[in-house]
Amino acid sequence: MWLYLLALALIGLIVVVLLGRWEPARVPEEESPAAGGDDVDQLLSSAAGRPLTADDLDQVQFDSAVRGYRMDQVDKLIDALAAQLRQAGDGDDIPPAADR
């Protein structure tokens, strides 16, 4: 019986030593929306006064966040594209964007 307790204590000590040496994976830090300077802001400012093209959309990159992409960047781009589509057509087919 003492041998089993000694083996259990030894295994527990090995686990504690190994876990103490390993550093856990870091959670990516989210940037605040006020940070600015992201690809979406640059795209929208450079495209001011002209319609967005497929090449513009091919070049845009969203910043990654803990659960995917930053929603504020995606929402900003979708709102700009919806406004552009409303101006290009009569706008009756496209419902207005809901407040987020």
N, C-alpha and C. Protein backbone atom coordinates (compact mmCIF):
# COMPACT_ATOMS: atom_id res chain seq x y z
N MET A 1 0.82 -1.18 0.00
CA MET A 1 0.00 0.00 0.00
C MET A 1 0.88 1.26 0.00
N TRP A 2 1.94 1.25 0.76
CA TRP A 2 2.84 2.39 0.78
C TRP A 2 3.47 2.63 -0.59
N LEU A 3 3.68 1.54 -1.29
CA LEU A 3 4.28 1.65 -2.61
C LEU A 3 3.34 2.38 -3.57
N TYR A 4 2.04 2.10 -3.47
CA TYR A 4 1.05 2.78 -4.31
C TYR A 4 0.97 4.27 -3.99
N LEU A 5 0.98 4.61 -2.73
CA LEU A 5 0.95 6.01 -2.33
C LEU A 5 2.21 6.75 -2.78
N LEU A 6 3.36 6.08 -2.69
CA LEU A 6 4.60 6.67 -3.14
C LEU A 6 4.60 6.88 -4.65
N ALA A 7 4.07 5.91 -5.40
CA ALA A 7 3.98 6.04 -6.86
C ALA A 7 3.02 7.17 -7.23
N LEU A 8 1.90 7.28 -6.53
CA LEU A 8 0.94 8.34 -6.80
C LEU A 8 1.54 9.71 -6.50
N ALA A 9 2.27 9.83 -5.41
CA ALA A 9 2.92 11.09 -5.07
C ALA A 9 3.99 11.44 -6.11
N LEU A 10 4.73 10.44 -6.58
CA LEU A 10 5.75 10.68 -7.59
C LEU A 10 5.14 11.13 -8.91
N ILE A 11 4.05 10.52 -9.31
CA ILE A 11 3.36 10.93 -10.54
C ILE A 11 2.82 12.35 -10.39
N GLY A 12 2.24 12.65 -9.24
CA GLY A 12 1.74 14.00 -8.99
C GLY A 12 2.85 15.02 -9.02
N LEU A 13 4.02 14.70 -8.48
CA LEU A 13 5.15 15.61 -8.50
C LEU A 13 5.64 15.84 -9.92
N ILE A 14 5.68 14.80 -10.72
CA ILE A 14 6.10 14.93 -12.13
C ILE A 14 5.12 15.82 -12.89
N VAL A 15 3.83 15.64 -12.67
CA VAL A 15 2.83 16.46 -13.34
C VAL A 15 2.98 17.92 -12.94
N VAL A 16 3.18 18.19 -11.67
CA VAL A 16 3.32 19.57 -11.20
C VAL A 16 4.57 20.21 -11.80
N VAL A 17 5.66 19.47 -11.87
CA VAL A 17 6.90 20.01 -12.44
C VAL A 17 6.72 20.30 -13.93
N LEU A 18 6.09 19.37 -14.65
CA LEU A 18 5.89 19.58 -16.08
C LEU A 18 4.94 20.74 -16.37
N LEU A 19 3.87 20.84 -15.61
CA LEU A 19 2.92 21.93 -15.82
C LEU A 19 3.52 23.27 -15.43
N GLY A 20 4.42 23.28 -14.50
CA GLY A 20 5.07 24.52 -14.10
C GLY A 20 6.01 25.05 -15.17
N ARG A 21 6.57 24.17 -15.99
CA ARG A 21 7.50 24.59 -17.03
C ARG A 21 6.78 25.06 -18.28
N TRP A 22 5.60 24.56 -18.55
CA TRP A 22 4.88 24.93 -19.76
C TRP A 22 4.16 26.23 -19.55
N GLU A 23 4.27 27.10 -20.53
CA GLU A 23 3.53 28.36 -20.48
C GLU A 23 2.24 28.18 -21.24
N PRO A 24 1.12 28.59 -20.68
CA PRO A 24 -0.15 28.44 -21.40
C PRO A 24 -0.20 29.34 -22.63
N ALA A 25 -1.03 28.97 -23.56
CA ALA A 25 -1.18 29.78 -24.78
C ALA A 25 -1.80 31.12 -24.40
N ARG A 26 -1.28 32.17 -24.99
CA ARG A 26 -1.81 33.51 -24.71
C ARG A 26 -3.07 33.76 -25.52
N VAL A 27 -3.99 34.44 -24.91
CA VAL A 27 -5.21 34.86 -25.60
C VAL A 27 -4.88 36.12 -26.37
N PRO A 28 -5.21 36.16 -27.67
CA PRO A 28 -4.90 37.38 -28.43
C PRO A 28 -5.63 38.59 -27.84
N GLU A 29 -4.93 39.70 -27.80
CA GLU A 29 -5.52 40.92 -27.26
C GLU A 29 -6.33 41.61 -28.34
N GLU A 30 -7.49 42.09 -27.95
CA GLU A 30 -8.33 42.84 -28.89
C GLU A 30 -7.95 44.30 -28.83
N GLU A 31 -7.89 44.91 -29.99
CA GLU A 31 -7.62 46.34 -30.03
C GLU A 31 -8.93 47.09 -29.84
N SER A 32 -8.81 48.25 -29.28
CA SER A 32 -10.01 49.06 -29.12
C SER A 32 -10.42 49.61 -30.48
N PRO A 33 -11.72 49.78 -30.71
CA PRO A 33 -12.17 50.34 -31.98
C PRO A 33 -11.63 51.73 -32.25
N ALA A 34 -11.23 52.46 -31.23
CA ALA A 34 -10.74 53.81 -31.40
C ALA A 34 -9.28 53.84 -31.87
N ALA A 35 -8.65 52.65 -32.00
CA ALA A 35 -7.24 52.62 -32.38
C ALA A 35 -7.03 53.19 -33.78
N GLY A 36 -7.97 52.94 -34.70
CA GLY A 36 -7.89 53.50 -36.05
C GLY A 36 -6.71 52.95 -36.82
N GLY A 37 -6.59 53.40 -38.06
CA GLY A 37 -5.47 52.99 -38.87
C GLY A 37 -5.58 51.59 -39.43
N ASP A 38 -6.75 50.99 -39.40
CA ASP A 38 -6.87 49.64 -39.93
C ASP A 38 -7.15 49.68 -41.43
N ASP A 39 -7.11 48.50 -42.06
CA ASP A 39 -7.28 48.41 -43.51
C ASP A 39 -8.63 48.93 -43.98
N VAL A 40 -9.67 48.71 -43.20
CA VAL A 40 -11.01 49.15 -43.61
C VAL A 40 -11.07 50.67 -43.64
N ASP A 41 -10.54 51.32 -42.61
CA ASP A 41 -10.53 52.78 -42.59
C ASP A 41 -9.71 53.34 -43.76
N GLN A 42 -8.57 52.72 -44.04
CA GLN A 42 -7.74 53.17 -45.16
C GLN A 42 -8.46 52.98 -46.48
N LEU A 43 -9.16 51.86 -46.65
CA LEU A 43 -9.90 51.60 -47.87
C LEU A 43 -11.01 52.62 -48.06
N LEU A 44 -11.78 52.87 -47.00
CA LEU A 44 -12.90 53.80 -47.12
C LEU A 44 -12.43 55.23 -47.33
N SER A 45 -11.31 55.61 -46.73
CA SER A 45 -10.82 56.98 -46.93
C SER A 45 -10.21 57.15 -48.32
N SER A 46 -9.55 56.10 -48.83
CA SER A 46 -8.96 56.23 -50.17
C SER A 46 -10.03 56.14 -51.26
N ALA A 47 -11.16 55.51 -50.95
CA ALA A 47 -12.23 55.36 -51.94
C ALA A 47 -13.28 56.45 -51.80
N ALA A 48 -13.01 57.47 -51.02
CA ALA A 48 -13.98 58.55 -50.84
C ALA A 48 -14.23 59.22 -52.18
N GLY A 49 -15.49 59.30 -52.55
CA GLY A 49 -15.85 59.95 -53.80
C GLY A 49 -15.87 59.03 -55.00
N ARG A 50 -15.48 57.79 -54.83
CA ARG A 50 -15.53 56.84 -55.95
C ARG A 50 -16.11 55.53 -55.44
N PRO A 51 -16.74 54.76 -56.31
CA PRO A 51 -17.31 53.49 -55.86
C PRO A 51 -16.21 52.47 -55.55
N LEU A 52 -16.51 51.61 -54.61
CA LEU A 52 -15.59 50.52 -54.29
C LEU A 52 -15.61 49.49 -55.41
N THR A 53 -14.46 48.91 -55.68
CA THR A 53 -14.36 47.92 -56.74
C THR A 53 -14.04 46.56 -56.15
N ALA A 54 -14.10 45.54 -56.99
CA ALA A 54 -13.76 44.19 -56.55
C ALA A 54 -12.29 44.11 -56.14
N ASP A 55 -11.43 44.88 -56.81
CA ASP A 55 -10.01 44.89 -56.43
C ASP A 55 -9.82 45.47 -55.03
N ASP A 56 -10.62 46.49 -54.68
CA ASP A 56 -10.55 47.05 -53.33
C ASP A 56 -10.90 45.97 -52.30
N LEU A 57 -11.94 45.21 -52.59
CA LEU A 57 -12.37 44.19 -51.64
C LEU A 57 -11.38 43.04 -51.56
N ASP A 58 -10.69 42.75 -52.65
CA ASP A 58 -9.67 41.70 -52.63
C ASP A 58 -8.49 42.07 -51.74
N GLN A 59 -8.21 43.36 -51.62
CA GLN A 59 -7.04 43.80 -50.88
C GLN A 59 -7.31 44.07 -49.40
N VAL A 60 -8.55 44.19 -49.01
CA VAL A 60 -8.85 44.51 -47.61
C VAL A 60 -8.61 43.27 -46.74
N GLN A 61 -8.05 43.49 -45.55
CA GLN A 61 -7.83 42.42 -44.58
C GLN A 61 -8.38 42.88 -43.24
N PHE A 62 -9.19 42.03 -42.63
CA PHE A 62 -9.75 42.34 -41.32
C PHE A 62 -8.78 41.87 -40.25
N ASP A 63 -8.70 42.61 -39.16
CA ASP A 63 -7.88 42.19 -38.03
C ASP A 63 -8.57 41.02 -37.34
N SER A 64 -7.80 40.07 -36.89
CA SER A 64 -8.39 38.93 -36.19
C SER A 64 -8.64 39.30 -34.73
N ALA A 65 -9.64 38.67 -34.17
CA ALA A 65 -10.00 38.88 -32.78
C ALA A 65 -10.18 37.51 -32.14
N VAL A 66 -10.57 37.49 -30.89
CA VAL A 66 -10.69 36.24 -30.16
C VAL A 66 -11.70 35.30 -30.82
N ARG A 67 -12.81 35.84 -31.29
CA ARG A 67 -13.84 34.98 -31.87
C ARG A 67 -13.95 35.12 -33.38
N GLY A 68 -12.90 35.53 -34.05
CA GLY A 68 -12.96 35.65 -35.50
C GLY A 68 -12.39 36.98 -35.94
N TYR A 69 -13.21 37.78 -36.60
CA TYR A 69 -12.80 39.09 -37.08
C TYR A 69 -13.45 40.17 -36.25
N ARG A 70 -12.86 41.36 -36.28
CA ARG A 70 -13.44 42.47 -35.52
C ARG A 70 -14.73 42.90 -36.18
N MET A 71 -15.80 42.80 -35.43
CA MET A 71 -17.13 43.08 -35.97
C MET A 71 -17.27 44.54 -36.40
N ASP A 72 -16.63 45.46 -35.71
CA ASP A 72 -16.78 46.86 -36.08
C ASP A 72 -16.20 47.12 -37.47
N GLN A 73 -15.12 46.44 -37.84
CA GLN A 73 -14.56 46.61 -39.17
C GLN A 73 -15.47 46.02 -40.24
N VAL A 74 -16.00 44.83 -39.98
CA VAL A 74 -16.89 44.18 -40.94
C VAL A 74 -18.16 45.00 -41.12
N ASP A 75 -18.73 45.47 -40.00
CA ASP A 75 -19.95 46.29 -40.08
C ASP A 75 -19.72 47.57 -40.87
N LYS A 76 -18.55 48.21 -40.66
CA LYS A 76 -18.23 49.45 -41.35
C LYS A 76 -18.17 49.23 -42.86
N LEU A 77 -17.53 48.14 -43.28
CA LEU A 77 -17.41 47.85 -44.71
C LEU A 77 -18.75 47.49 -45.32
N ILE A 78 -19.55 46.70 -44.62
CA ILE A 78 -20.87 46.31 -45.14
C ILE A 78 -21.78 47.53 -45.25
N ASP A 79 -21.73 48.43 -44.27
CA ASP A 79 -22.54 49.65 -44.34
C ASP A 79 -22.13 50.52 -45.53
N ALA A 80 -20.82 50.63 -45.78
CA ALA A 80 -20.35 51.43 -46.92
C ALA A 80 -20.79 50.80 -48.24
N LEU A 81 -20.71 49.48 -48.33
CA LEU A 81 -21.14 48.81 -49.56
C LEU A 81 -22.65 48.92 -49.76
N ALA A 82 -23.42 48.83 -48.69
CA ALA A 82 -24.87 48.97 -48.80
C ALA A 82 -25.25 50.37 -49.25
N ALA A 83 -24.57 51.38 -48.70
CA ALA A 83 -24.85 52.75 -49.11
C ALA A 83 -24.49 52.96 -50.58
N GLN A 84 -23.41 52.36 -51.02
CA GLN A 84 -23.00 52.48 -52.42
C GLN A 84 -24.03 51.80 -53.33
N LEU A 85 -24.52 50.65 -52.94
CA LEU A 85 -25.53 49.96 -53.75
C LEU A 85 -26.84 50.73 -53.78
N ARG A 86 -27.20 51.37 -52.67
CA ARG A 86 -28.42 52.18 -52.65
C ARG A 86 -28.31 53.36 -53.61
N GLN A 87 -27.14 53.98 -53.66
CA GLN A 87 -26.93 55.12 -54.55
C GLN A 87 -26.90 54.70 -56.01
N ALA A 88 -26.36 53.51 -56.28
CA ALA A 88 -26.24 53.04 -57.66
C ALA A 88 -27.60 52.67 -58.25
N GLY A 89 -28.46 52.09 -57.44
CA GLY A 89 -29.78 51.70 -57.92
C GLY A 89 -30.84 52.56 -57.29
N ASP A 90 -32.05 52.09 -57.41
CA ASP A 90 -33.14 52.86 -56.82
C ASP A 90 -33.23 52.62 -55.31
N GLY A 91 -32.60 51.54 -54.82
CA GLY A 91 -32.55 51.32 -53.38
C GLY A 91 -33.78 50.66 -52.80
N ASP A 92 -34.78 50.39 -53.61
CA ASP A 92 -35.99 49.77 -53.09
C ASP A 92 -35.78 48.31 -52.73
N ASP A 93 -34.84 47.64 -53.39
CA ASP A 93 -34.62 46.22 -53.15
C ASP A 93 -33.80 45.97 -51.89
N ILE A 94 -33.06 46.98 -51.44
CA ILE A 94 -32.16 46.78 -50.31
C ILE A 94 -32.77 47.41 -49.08
N PRO A 95 -33.06 46.61 -48.04
CA PRO A 95 -33.60 47.21 -46.82
C PRO A 95 -32.52 48.01 -46.11
N PRO A 96 -32.90 49.04 -45.36
CA PRO A 96 -31.91 49.83 -44.64
C PRO A 96 -31.21 49.01 -43.59
N ALA A 97 -29.95 49.34 -43.30
CA ALA A 97 -29.17 48.59 -42.32
C ALA A 97 -29.78 48.84 -40.93
N ALA A 98 -29.89 47.76 -40.16
CA ALA A 98 -30.40 47.88 -38.80
C ALA A 98 -29.32 48.47 -37.90
N ASP A 99 -29.72 49.22 -36.91
CA ASP A 99 -28.76 49.78 -35.96
C ASP A 99 -28.12 48.65 -35.17
N ARG A 100 -26.83 48.74 -35.04
CA ARG A 100 -26.11 47.67 -34.33
C ARG A 100 -25.71 48.13 -32.97
